[in-house]
């Protein structure tokens, strides 16, 4: 049996790797730690640069990432090339 796009698609669905044992527990602990750290931040005590860094960090996690648009090649000529011998 040869390799085709159909057999490759099926092979990609199968995983020989098992599920992690502690993924849920670790994620819960990280979430709890993150929430407690965010709650302990006194925004009024931060200076302007610290507030900007915090805003940049938070926006990177809250705003959706823009979809990359493909560039369309332009068909315009800016100059003519003339070879002189």
PDB file of N, CA and C in Angstrom:
ATOM      1  N   UNK A   1       0.840  -1.162   0.000  1.00  0.00           N
ATOM      2  CA  UNK A   1       0.000   0.000   0.000  1.00  0.00           C
ATOM      3  C   UNK A   1       0.886   1.226   0.000  1.00  0.00           C
ATOM      4  N   UNK A   2       0.703   2.088  -0.971  1.00  0.00           N
ATOM      5  CA  UNK A   2       1.525   3.283  -1.102  1.00  0.00           C
ATOM      6  C   UNK A   2       1.015   4.429  -0.246  1.00  0.00           C
ATOM      7  N   UNK A   3       1.813   5.452  -0.200  1.00  0.00           N
ATOM      8  CA  UNK A   3       1.456   6.639   0.564  1.00  0.00           C
ATOM      9  C   UNK A   3       0.688   7.590  -0.339  1.00  0.00           C
ATOM     10  N   UNK A   4      -0.483   8.000   0.103  1.00  0.00           N
ATOM     11  CA  UNK A   4      -1.286   8.952  -0.649  1.00  0.00           C
ATOM     12  C   UNK A   4      -1.800  10.013   0.314  1.00  0.00           C
ATOM     13  N   UNK A   5      -2.477  11.004  -0.219  1.00  0.00           N
ATOM     14  CA  UNK A   5      -3.017  12.052   0.658  1.00  0.00           C
ATOM     15  C   UNK A   5      -4.070  11.470   1.591  1.00  0.00           C
ATOM     16  N   UNK A   6      -4.807  10.485   1.133  1.00  0.00           N
ATOM     17  CA  UNK A   6      -5.834   9.860   1.964  1.00  0.00           C
ATOM     18  C   UNK A   6      -5.201   9.042   3.101  1.00  0.00           C
ATOM     19  N   UNK A   7      -4.169   8.257   2.782  1.00  0.00           N
ATOM     20  CA  UNK A   7      -3.531   7.464   3.835  1.00  0.00           C
ATOM     21  C   UNK A   7      -2.767   8.371   4.801  1.00  0.00           C
ATOM     22  N   UNK A   8      -2.217   9.477   4.300  1.00  0.00           N
ATOM     23  CA  UNK A   8      -1.536  10.430   5.172  1.00  0.00           C
ATOM     24  C   UNK A   8      -2.487  11.108   6.125  1.00  0.00           C
ATOM     25  N   UNK A   9      -3.674  11.420   5.645  1.00  0.00           N
ATOM     26  CA  UNK A   9      -4.702  12.043   6.485  1.00  0.00           C
ATOM     27  C   UNK A   9      -5.114  11.089   7.604  1.00  0.00           C
ATOM     28  N   UNK A  10      -5.271   9.826   7.285  1.00  0.00           N
ATOM     29  CA  UNK A  10      -5.642   8.834   8.293  1.00  0.00           C
ATOM     30  C   UNK A  10      -4.515   8.637   9.308  1.00  0.00           C
ATOM     31  N   UNK A  11      -3.269   8.627   8.829  1.00  0.00           N
ATOM     32  CA  UNK A  11      -2.139   8.437   9.735  1.00  0.00           C
ATOM     33  C   UNK A  11      -2.013   9.624  10.679  1.00  0.00           C
ATOM     34  N   UNK A  12      -2.357  10.817  10.216  1.00  0.00           N
ATOM     35  CA  UNK A  12      -2.283  12.000  11.058  1.00  0.00           C
ATOM     36  C   UNK A  12      -3.307  12.001  12.170  1.00  0.00           C
ATOM     37  N   UNK A  13      -4.386  11.293  12.007  1.00  0.00           N
ATOM     38  CA  UNK A  13      -5.426  11.234  13.026  1.00  0.00           C
ATOM     39  C   UNK A  13      -5.045  10.303  14.170  1.00  0.00           C
ATOM     40  N   UNK A  14      -4.216   9.318  13.890  1.00  0.00           N
ATOM     41  CA  UNK A  14      -3.832   8.344  14.891  1.00  0.00           C
ATOM     42  C   UNK A  14      -2.632   8.868  15.671  1.00  0.00           C
ATOM     43  N   UNK A  15      -2.652   8.714  16.967  1.00  0.00           N
ATOM     44  CA  UNK A  15      -1.538   9.133  17.800  1.00  0.00           C
ATOM     45  C   UNK A  15      -1.100   7.971  18.675  1.00  0.00           C
ATOM     46  N   UNK A  16       0.186   7.698  18.671  1.00  0.00           N
ATOM     47  CA  UNK A  16       0.720   6.631  19.506  1.00  0.00           C
ATOM     48  C   UNK A  16       1.038   7.145  20.909  1.00  0.00           C
ATOM     49  N   UNK A  17       0.984   8.457  21.063  1.00  0.00           N
ATOM     50  CA  UNK A  17       1.325   9.058  22.338  1.00  0.00           C
ATOM     51  C   UNK A  17       0.088   9.092  23.231  1.00  0.00           C
ATOM     52  N   UNK A  18       0.264   8.706  24.456  1.00  0.00           N
ATOM     53  CA  UNK A  18      -0.848   8.693  25.397  1.00  0.00           C
ATOM     54  C   UNK A  18      -1.115  10.071  25.976  1.00  0.00           C
ATOM     55  N   UNK A  19      -2.192  10.193  26.703  1.00  0.00           N
ATOM     56  CA  UNK A  19      -2.555  11.435  27.365  1.00  0.00           C
ATOM     57  C   UNK A  19      -1.653  11.643  28.582  1.00  0.00           C
ATOM     58  N   UNK A  20      -1.361  12.901  28.880  1.00  0.00           N
ATOM     59  CA  UNK A  20      -0.564  13.216  30.058  1.00  0.00           C
ATOM     60  C   UNK A  20      -1.331  12.915  31.333  1.00  0.00           C
ATOM     61  N   UNK A  21      -0.640  12.444  32.347  1.00  0.00           N
ATOM     62  CA  UNK A  21      -1.303  12.054  33.587  1.00  0.00           C
ATOM     63  C   UNK A  21      -1.691  13.255  34.438  1.00  0.00           C
ATOM     64  N   UNK A  22      -0.857  14.300  34.428  1.00  0.00           N
ATOM     65  CA  UNK A  22      -1.038  15.392  35.376  1.00  0.00           C
ATOM     66  C   UNK A  22      -1.413  16.712  34.704  1.00  0.00           C
ATOM     67  N   UNK A  23      -1.814  16.675  33.460  1.00  0.00           N
ATOM     68  CA  UNK A  23      -2.092  17.897  32.714  1.00  0.00           C
ATOM     69  C   UNK A  23      -3.201  18.703  33.376  1.00  0.00           C
ATOM     70  N   UNK A  24      -4.280  18.081  33.738  1.00  0.00           N
ATOM     71  CA  UNK A  24      -5.402  18.784  34.365  1.00  0.00           C
ATOM     72  C   UNK A  24      -5.036  19.390  35.698  1.00  0.00           C
ATOM     73  N   UNK A  25      -4.311  18.636  36.518  1.00  0.00           N
ATOM     74  CA  UNK A  25      -3.913  19.119  37.840  1.00  0.00           C
ATOM     75  C   UNK A  25      -2.965  20.299  37.725  1.00  0.00           C
ATOM     76  N   UNK A  26      -1.993  20.203  36.847  1.00  0.00           N
ATOM     77  CA  UNK A  26      -1.021  21.286  36.678  1.00  0.00           C
ATOM     78  C   UNK A  26      -1.708  22.535  36.150  1.00  0.00           C
ATOM     79  N   UNK A  27      -2.599  22.365  35.192  1.00  0.00           N
ATOM     80  CA  UNK A  27      -3.316  23.516  34.636  1.00  0.00           C
ATOM     81  C   UNK A  27      -4.151  24.208  35.713  1.00  0.00           C
ATOM     82  N   UNK A  28      -4.804  23.435  36.584  1.00  0.00           N
ATOM     83  CA  UNK A  28      -5.598  24.026  37.661  1.00  0.00           C
ATOM     84  C   UNK A  28      -4.713  24.805  38.626  1.00  0.00           C
ATOM     85  N   UNK A  29      -3.554  24.253  38.967  1.00  0.00           N
ATOM     86  CA  UNK A  29      -2.642  24.948  39.881  1.00  0.00           C
ATOM     87  C   UNK A  29      -2.094  26.221  39.256  1.00  0.00           C
ATOM     88  N   UNK A  30      -1.752  26.175  37.979  1.00  0.00           N
ATOM     89  CA  UNK A  30      -1.258  27.366  37.292  1.00  0.00           C
ATOM     90  C   UNK A  30      -2.339  28.425  37.219  1.00  0.00           C
ATOM     91  N   UNK A  31      -3.576  28.018  36.945  1.00  0.00           N
ATOM     92  CA  UNK A  31      -4.690  28.971  36.912  1.00  0.00           C
ATOM     93  C   UNK A  31      -4.893  29.633  38.276  1.00  0.00           C
ATOM     94  N   UNK A  32      -4.842  28.847  39.340  1.00  0.00           N
ATOM     95  CA  UNK A  32      -5.027  29.389  40.683  1.00  0.00           C
ATOM     96  C   UNK A  32      -3.899  30.363  41.031  1.00  0.00           C
ATOM     97  N   UNK A  33      -2.670  29.992  40.696  1.00  0.00           N
ATOM     98  CA  UNK A  33      -1.527  30.859  40.969  1.00  0.00           C
ATOM     99  C   UNK A  33      -1.625  32.158  40.175  1.00  0.00           C
ATOM    100  N   UNK A  34      -1.996  32.052  38.900  1.00  0.00           N
ATOM    101  CA  UNK A  34      -2.139  33.232  38.058  1.00  0.00           C
ATOM    102  C   UNK A  34      -3.213  34.155  38.597  1.00  0.00           C
ATOM    103  N   UNK A  35      -4.346  33.602  38.971  1.00  0.00           N
ATOM    104  CA  UNK A  35      -5.431  34.426  39.517  1.00  0.00           C
ATOM    105  C   UNK A  35      -5.021  35.129  40.801  1.00  0.00           C
ATOM    106  N   UNK A  36      -4.305  34.442  41.674  1.00  0.00           N
ATOM    107  CA  UNK A  36      -3.887  35.080  42.927  1.00  0.00           C
ATOM    108  C   UNK A  36      -2.854  36.170  42.666  1.00  0.00           C
ATOM    109  N   UNK A  37      -1.965  35.954  41.698  1.00  0.00           N
ATOM    110  CA  UNK A  37      -0.980  36.988  41.374  1.00  0.00           C
ATOM    111  C   UNK A  37      -1.643  38.221  40.751  1.00  0.00           C
ATOM    112  N   UNK A  38      -2.594  38.007  39.882  1.00  0.00           N
ATOM    113  CA  UNK A  38      -3.293  39.135  39.258  1.00  0.00           C
ATOM    114  C   UNK A  38      -4.084  39.906  40.301  1.00  0.00           C
ATOM    115  N   UNK A  39      -4.723  39.193  41.224  1.00  0.00           N
ATOM    116  CA  UNK A  39      -5.493  39.867  42.274  1.00  0.00           C
ATOM    117  C   UNK A  39      -4.598  40.661  43.220  1.00  0.00           C
ATOM    118  N   UNK A  40      -3.339  40.251  43.379  1.00  0.00           N
ATOM    119  CA  UNK A  40      -2.448  40.929  44.326  1.00  0.00           C
ATOM    120  C   UNK A  40      -1.767  42.157  43.726  1.00  0.00           C
ATOM    121  N   UNK A  41      -1.881  42.375  42.425  1.00  0.00           N
ATOM    122  CA  UNK A  41      -1.238  43.532  41.791  1.00  0.00           C
ATOM    123  C   UNK A  41      -2.014  44.797  42.137  1.00  0.00           C
ATOM    124  N   UNK A  42      -1.317  45.766  42.690  1.00  0.00           N
ATOM    125  CA  UNK A  42      -1.909  47.075  42.985  1.00  0.00           C
ATOM    126  C   UNK A  42      -1.583  47.997  41.822  1.00  0.00           C
ATOM    127  N   UNK A  43      -2.554  48.197  40.948  1.00  0.00           N
ATOM    128  CA  UNK A  43      -2.324  48.977  39.736  1.00  0.00           C
ATOM    129  C   UNK A  43      -1.984  50.428  40.073  1.00  0.00           C
ATOM    130  N   UNK A  44      -2.547  50.965  41.142  1.00  0.00           N
ATOM    131  CA  UNK A  44      -2.264  52.347  41.518  1.00  0.00           C
ATOM    132  C   UNK A  44      -0.807  52.551  41.923  1.00  0.00           C
ATOM    133  N   UNK A  45      -0.142  51.485  42.351  1.00  0.00           N
ATOM    134  CA  UNK A  45       1.257  51.589  42.774  1.00  0.00           C
ATOM    135  C   UNK A  45       2.245  51.481  41.607  1.00  0.00           C
ATOM    136  N   UNK A  46       1.765  51.122  40.414  1.00  0.00           N
ATOM    137  CA  UNK A  46       2.652  50.965  39.265  1.00  0.00           C
ATOM    138  C   UNK A  46       2.938  52.315  38.629  1.00  0.00           C
ATOM    139  N   UNK A  47       4.167  52.458  38.100  1.00  0.00           N
ATOM    140  CA  UNK A  47       4.462  53.686  37.356  1.00  0.00           C
ATOM    141  C   UNK A  47       3.993  53.507  35.914  1.00  0.00           C
ATOM    142  N   UNK A  48       4.165  54.547  35.122  1.00  0.00           N
ATOM    143  CA  UNK A  48       3.621  54.539  33.760  1.00  0.00           C
ATOM    144  C   UNK A  48       4.232  53.433  32.907  1.00  0.00           C
ATOM    145  N   UNK A  49       5.531  53.236  32.978  1.00  0.00           N
ATOM    146  CA  UNK A  49       6.159  52.195  32.139  1.00  0.00           C
ATOM    147  C   UNK A  49       5.718  50.803  32.561  1.00  0.00           C
ATOM    148  N   UNK A  50       5.540  50.592  33.858  1.00  0.00           N
ATOM    149  CA  UNK A  50       5.065  49.291  34.333  1.00  0.00           C
ATOM    150  C   UNK A  50       3.622  49.045  33.887  1.00  0.00           C
ATOM    151  N   UNK A  51       2.811  50.095  33.883  1.00  0.00           N
ATOM    152  CA  UNK A  51       1.435  49.955  33.412  1.00  0.00           C
ATOM    153  C   UNK A  51       1.401  49.619  31.928  1.00  0.00           C
ATOM    154  N   UNK A  52       2.285  50.242  31.149  1.00  0.00           N
ATOM    155  CA  UNK A  52       2.334  49.944  29.719  1.00  0.00           C
ATOM    156  C   UNK A  52       2.776  48.511  29.457  1.00  0.00           C
ATOM    157  N   UNK A  53       3.740  48.036  30.214  1.00  0.00           N
ATOM    158  CA  UNK A  53       4.189  46.647  30.063  1.00  0.00           C
ATOM    159  C   UNK A  53       3.058  45.682  30.419  1.00  0.00           C
ATOM    160  N   UNK A  54       2.338  45.972  31.475  1.00  0.00           N
ATOM    161  CA  UNK A  54       1.205  45.138  31.872  1.00  0.00           C
ATOM    162  C   UNK A  54       0.118  45.157  30.806  1.00  0.00           C
ATOM    163  N   UNK A  55      -0.179  46.346  30.268  1.00  0.00           N
ATOM    164  CA  UNK A  55      -1.185  46.461  29.222  1.00  0.00           C
ATOM    165  C   UNK A  55      -0.774  45.670  27.983  1.00  0.00           C
ATOM    166  N   UNK A  56       0.477  45.776  27.593  1.00  0.00           N
ATOM    167  CA  UNK A  56       0.977  45.032  26.427  1.00  0.00           C
ATOM    168  C   UNK A  56       0.836  43.528  26.643  1.00  0.00           C
ATOM    169  N   UNK A  57       1.179  43.076  27.816  1.00  0.00           N
ATOM    170  CA  UNK A  57       1.073  41.651  28.137  1.00  0.00           C
ATOM    171  C   UNK A  57      -0.376  41.175  28.111  1.00  0.00           C
ATOM    172  N   UNK A  58      -1.265  41.949  28.703  1.00  0.00           N
ATOM    173  CA  UNK A  58      -2.665  41.553  28.756  1.00  0.00           C
ATOM    174  C   UNK A  58      -3.326  41.594  27.382  1.00  0.00           C
ATOM    175  N   UNK A  59      -2.985  42.595  26.575  1.00  0.00           N
ATOM    176  CA  UNK A  59      -3.583  42.687  25.245  1.00  0.00           C
ATOM    177  C   UNK A  59      -3.148  41.540  24.345  1.00  0.00           C
ATOM    178  N   UNK A  60      -1.921  41.065  24.533  1.00  0.00           N
ATOM    179  CA  UNK A  60      -1.462  39.944  23.704  1.00  0.00           C
ATOM    180  C   UNK A  60      -2.248  38.667  23.987  1.00  0.00           C
ATOM    181  N   UNK A  61      -2.852  38.593  25.169  1.00  0.00           N
ATOM    182  CA  UNK A  61      -3.632  37.403  25.522  1.00  0.00           C
ATOM    183  C   UNK A  61      -5.129  37.592  25.326  1.00  0.00           C
ATOM    184  N   UNK A  62      -5.576  38.829  25.132  1.00  0.00           N
ATOM    185  CA  UNK A  62      -7.012  39.053  25.021  1.00  0.00           C
ATOM    186  C   UNK A  62      -7.462  39.384  23.608  1.00  0.00           C
ATOM    187  N   UNK A  63      -6.658  40.108  22.851  1.00  0.00           N
ATOM    188  CA  UNK A  63      -7.056  40.473  21.494  1.00  0.00           C
ATOM    189  C   UNK A  63      -6.809  39.312  20.542  1.00  0.00           C
ATOM    190  N   UNK A  64      -7.702  39.103  19.594  1.00  0.00           N
ATOM    191  CA  UNK A  64      -7.454  38.043  18.613  1.00  0.00           C
ATOM    192  C   UNK A  64      -6.311  38.436  17.682  1.00  0.00           C
ATOM    193  N   UNK A  65      -5.570  37.448  17.267  1.00  0.00           N
ATOM    194  CA  UNK A  65      -4.462  37.708  16.355  1.00  0.00           C
ATOM    195  C   UNK A  65      -5.015  37.911  14.952  1.00  0.00           C
ATOM    196  N   UNK A  66      -4.522  38.917  14.236  1.00  0.00           N
ATOM    197  CA  UNK A  66      -5.042  39.152  12.878  1.00  0.00           C
ATOM    198  C   UNK A  66      -4.611  38.034  11.937  1.00  0.00           C
ATOM    199  N   UNK A  67      -5.486  37.724  11.012  1.00  0.00           N
ATOM    200  CA  UNK A  67      -5.155  36.704  10.026  1.00  0.00           C
ATOM    201  C   UNK A  67      -4.171  37.287   9.028  1.00  0.00           C
ATOM    202  N   UNK A  68      -3.211  36.493   8.655  1.00  0.00           N
ATOM    203  CA  UNK A  68      -2.202  36.960   7.719  1.00  0.00           C
ATOM    204  C   UNK A  68      -2.796  36.970   6.318  1.00  0.00           C
ATOM    205  N   UNK A  69      -2.688  38.108   5.663  1.00  0.00           N
ATOM    206  CA  UNK A  69      -3.216  38.237   4.324  1.00  0.00           C
ATOM    207  C   UNK A  69      -2.088  38.005   3.337  1.00  0.00           C
ATOM    208  N   UNK A  70      -2.413  37.315   2.257  1.00  0.00           N
ATOM    209  CA  UNK A  70      -1.394  37.071   1.250  1.00  0.00           C
ATOM    210  C   UNK A  70      -1.182  38.338   0.433  1.00  0.00           C
ATOM    211  N   UNK A  71       0.055  38.568   0.071  1.00  0.00           N
ATOM    212  CA  UNK A  71       0.386  39.744  -0.715  1.00  0.00           C
ATOM    213  C   UNK A  71       0.132  39.459  -2.184  1.00  0.00           C
ATOM    214  N   UNK A  72      -0.521  40.380  -2.835  1.00  0.00           N
ATOM    215  CA  UNK A  72      -0.794  40.244  -4.262  1.00  0.00           C
ATOM    216  C   UNK A  72       0.308  40.979  -5.008  1.00  0.00           C
ATOM    217  N   UNK A  73       1.017  40.287  -5.918  1.00  0.00           N
ATOM    218  CA  UNK A  73       2.100  40.972  -6.624  1.00  0.00           C
ATOM    219  C   UNK A  73       1.540  42.077  -7.512  1.00  0.00           C
ATOM    220  N   UNK A  74       2.254  43.176  -7.516  1.00  0.00           N
ATOM    221  CA  UNK A  74       1.812  44.312  -8.322  1.00  0.00           C
ATOM    222  C   UNK A  74       2.348  44.159  -9.738  1.00  0.00           C
ATOM    223  N   UNK A  75       1.562  44.539 -10.695  1.00  0.00           N
ATOM    224  CA  UNK A  75       1.903  44.393 -12.106  1.00  0.00           C
ATOM    225  C   UNK A  75       2.394  45.707 -12.720  1.00  0.00           C
ATOM    226  N   UNK A  76       2.692  46.678 -11.897  1.00  0.00           N
ATOM    227  CA  UNK A  76       3.091  47.975 -12.441  1.00  0.00           C
ATOM    228  C   UNK A  76       4.586  48.009 -12.714  1.00  0.00           C
ATOM    229  N   UNK A  77       4.954  48.719 -13.777  1.00  0.00           N
ATOM    230  CA  UNK A  77       6.356  48.919 -14.114  1.00  0.00           C
ATOM    231  C   UNK A  77       6.763  50.293 -13.625  1.00  0.00           C
ATOM    232  N   UNK A  78       7.840  50.336 -12.924  1.00  0.00           N
ATOM    233  CA  UNK A  78       8.322  51.617 -12.455  1.00  0.00           C
ATOM    234  C   UNK A  78       9.340  52.225 -13.414  1.00  0.00           C
ATOM    235  N   UNK A  79      10.022  51.371 -14.192  1.00  0.00           N
ATOM    236  CA  UNK A  79      11.012  51.872 -15.133  1.00  0.00           C
ATOM    237  C   UNK A  79      11.237  50.830 -16.203  1.00  0.00           C
ATOM    238  N   UNK A  80      11.829  51.239 -17.317  1.00  0.00           N
ATOM    239  CA  UNK A  80      12.171  50.341 -18.409  1.00  0.00           C
ATOM    240  C   UNK A  80      13.673  50.063 -18.365  1.00  0.00           C
ATOM    241  N   UNK A  81      14.039  48.835 -18.663  1.00  0.00           N
ATOM    242  CA  UNK A  81      15.450  48.466 -18.720  1.00  0.00           C
ATOM    243  C   UNK A  81      15.872  48.431 -20.180  1.00  0.00           C
ATOM    244  N   UNK A  82      16.930  49.160 -20.453  1.00  0.00           N
ATOM    245  CA  UNK A  82      17.448  49.224 -21.818  1.00  0.00           C
ATOM    246  C   UNK A  82      18.929  48.854 -21.765  1.00  0.00           C
ATOM    247  N   UNK A  83      19.324  47.838 -22.521  1.00  0.00           N
ATOM    248  CA  UNK A  83      20.700  47.395 -22.537  1.00  0.00           C
ATOM    249  C   UNK A  83      21.430  48.110 -23.669  1.00  0.00           C
ATOM    250  N   UNK A  84      22.523  48.798 -23.336  1.00  0.00           N
ATOM    251  CA  UNK A  84      23.322  49.526 -24.322  1.00  0.00           C
ATOM    252  C   UNK A  84      24.678  48.857 -24.389  1.00  0.00           C
ATOM    253  N   UNK A  85      25.090  48.507 -25.610  1.00  0.00           N
ATOM    254  CA  UNK A  85      26.393  47.855 -25.778  1.00  0.00           C
ATOM    255  C   UNK A  85      27.366  48.774 -26.439  1.00  0.00           C
TER     256      UNK A  85
END
